[in-house]
């Protein structure tokens, strides 16, 4: 039982470490061939947005809005993939690693 508790504590520490890595990490998403770039944390928080002046047309704000949404969506997808890479091995270990039924 002591070994199971020690393993659970180790996994919890690894999980907290991975969560902190995600919070500190930044990923980028782009749209329009790089005309709009969004930066998000590994946890999906929008941290920055860069818009190339070439895409700013006062007569066509709809296209700009679409590019912003696409860049943020792309960055969010990249953050999700990063989270799956970091957390996937830990989540997979919860069920089989402890050898407990139902976990």
Protein backbone atom coordinates (compact mmCIF):
# COMPACT_ATOMS: atom_id res chain seq x y z
CA UNK A 1 0.00 0.00 0.00
CA UNK A 2 2.89 2.35 0.80
CA UNK A 3 4.29 1.81 -2.72
CA UNK A 4 0.94 2.70 -4.27
CA UNK A 5 0.74 5.90 -2.23
CA UNK A 6 4.31 6.83 -3.15
CA UNK A 7 3.57 6.22 -6.82
CA UNK A 8 0.39 8.31 -6.61
CA UNK A 9 2.29 11.17 -4.99
CA UNK A 10 4.99 11.00 -7.68
CA UNK A 11 2.35 11.10 -10.41
CA UNK A 12 0.68 14.07 -8.73
CA UNK A 13 4.01 15.92 -8.65
CA UNK A 14 4.56 15.12 -12.33
CA UNK A 15 1.07 16.36 -13.14
CA UNK A 16 1.62 19.64 -11.30
CA UNK A 17 4.96 20.07 -13.05
CA UNK A 18 3.38 19.46 -16.46
CA UNK A 19 0.59 21.93 -15.69
CA UNK A 20 3.16 24.58 -14.76
CA UNK A 21 5.11 23.89 -17.95
CA UNK A 22 1.91 24.40 -19.94
CA UNK A 23 1.11 27.65 -18.14
CA UNK A 24 4.62 28.94 -18.92
CA UNK A 25 4.74 27.71 -22.52
CA UNK A 26 3.69 29.84 -25.46
CA UNK A 27 2.48 28.60 -28.83
CA UNK A 28 1.73 30.54 -31.97
CA UNK A 29 -1.05 30.31 -34.51
CA UNK A 30 -1.22 32.17 -37.80
CA UNK A 31 -3.70 33.04 -40.51
CA UNK A 32 -3.52 34.69 -43.89
CA UNK A 33 -0.03 33.41 -44.59
CA UNK A 34 1.31 35.02 -41.43
CA UNK A 35 -0.55 38.33 -41.75
CA UNK A 36 -2.16 37.67 -38.36
CA UNK A 37 -0.30 35.91 -35.57
CA UNK A 38 -1.79 34.92 -32.22
CA UNK A 39 0.26 33.82 -29.23
CA UNK A 40 -1.41 31.75 -26.51
CA UNK A 41 -0.17 30.03 -23.40
CA UNK A 42 -0.04 26.26 -23.31
CA UNK A 43 -3.23 26.50 -21.26
CA UNK A 44 -4.97 28.39 -24.08
CA UNK A 45 -4.83 31.96 -22.67
CA UNK A 46 -4.44 34.59 -25.40
CA UNK A 47 -1.22 36.51 -24.69
CA UNK A 48 -0.59 38.44 -27.86
CA UNK A 49 -1.92 39.34 -31.26
CA UNK A 50 0.11 40.80 -34.14
CA UNK A 51 -1.64 42.17 -37.22
CA UNK A 52 0.38 43.10 -40.29
CA UNK A 53 -0.68 46.60 -41.40
CA UNK A 54 -1.10 45.29 -44.96
CA UNK A 55 -4.25 43.43 -43.89
CA UNK A 56 -5.92 46.47 -42.30
CA UNK A 57 -8.52 47.81 -44.71
CA UNK A 58 -11.13 50.11 -43.17
CA UNK A 59 -13.51 49.08 -45.96
CA UNK A 60 -13.15 45.37 -45.15
CA UNK A 61 -13.04 44.79 -41.41
CA UNK A 62 -14.85 41.46 -41.85
CA UNK A 63 -11.79 39.86 -43.45
CA UNK A 64 -9.58 41.13 -40.66
CA UNK A 65 -11.97 39.75 -38.05
CA UNK A 66 -12.00 36.38 -39.84
CA UNK A 67 -8.19 36.31 -39.88
CA UNK A 68 -8.01 37.12 -36.16
CA UNK A 69 -10.47 34.37 -35.32
CA UNK A 70 -8.57 31.90 -37.52
CA UNK A 71 -5.20 32.78 -35.95
CA UNK A 72 -6.57 32.46 -32.41
CA UNK A 73 -8.24 29.16 -33.31
CA UNK A 74 -4.98 27.88 -34.83
CA UNK A 75 -3.03 28.87 -31.72
CA UNK A 76 -5.65 27.24 -29.49
CA UNK A 77 -5.34 24.02 -31.47
CA UNK A 78 -1.58 24.14 -31.10
CA UNK A 79 -1.98 24.68 -27.34
CA UNK A 80 -4.33 21.69 -27.18
CA UNK A 81 -1.80 19.48 -28.96
CA UNK A 82 0.93 20.66 -26.58
CA UNK A 83 -1.30 19.87 -23.59
CA UNK A 84 -2.00 16.39 -24.97
CA UNK A 85 1.74 15.80 -25.41
CA UNK A 86 2.53 16.93 -21.86
CA UNK A 87 -0.47 15.47 -20.06
CA UNK A 88 -1.22 12.41 -22.16
CA UNK A 89 1.41 10.12 -20.63
CA UNK A 90 0.37 11.20 -17.14
CA UNK A 91 -3.34 10.70 -17.74
CA UNK A 92 -2.69 7.30 -19.28
CA UNK A 93 -0.72 6.26 -16.23
CA UNK A 94 -3.53 7.00 -13.82
CA UNK A 95 -5.54 3.95 -14.74
CA UNK A 96 -2.90 1.33 -15.27
CA UNK A 97 -0.06 2.80 -13.22
CA UNK A 98 -1.69 2.43 -9.84
CA UNK A 99 -3.27 -0.93 -10.49
CA UNK A 100 -6.47 0.15 -8.82
CA UNK A 101 -9.84 -0.87 -10.27
CA UNK A 102 -11.81 2.01 -11.70
CA UNK A 103 -8.82 4.31 -12.04
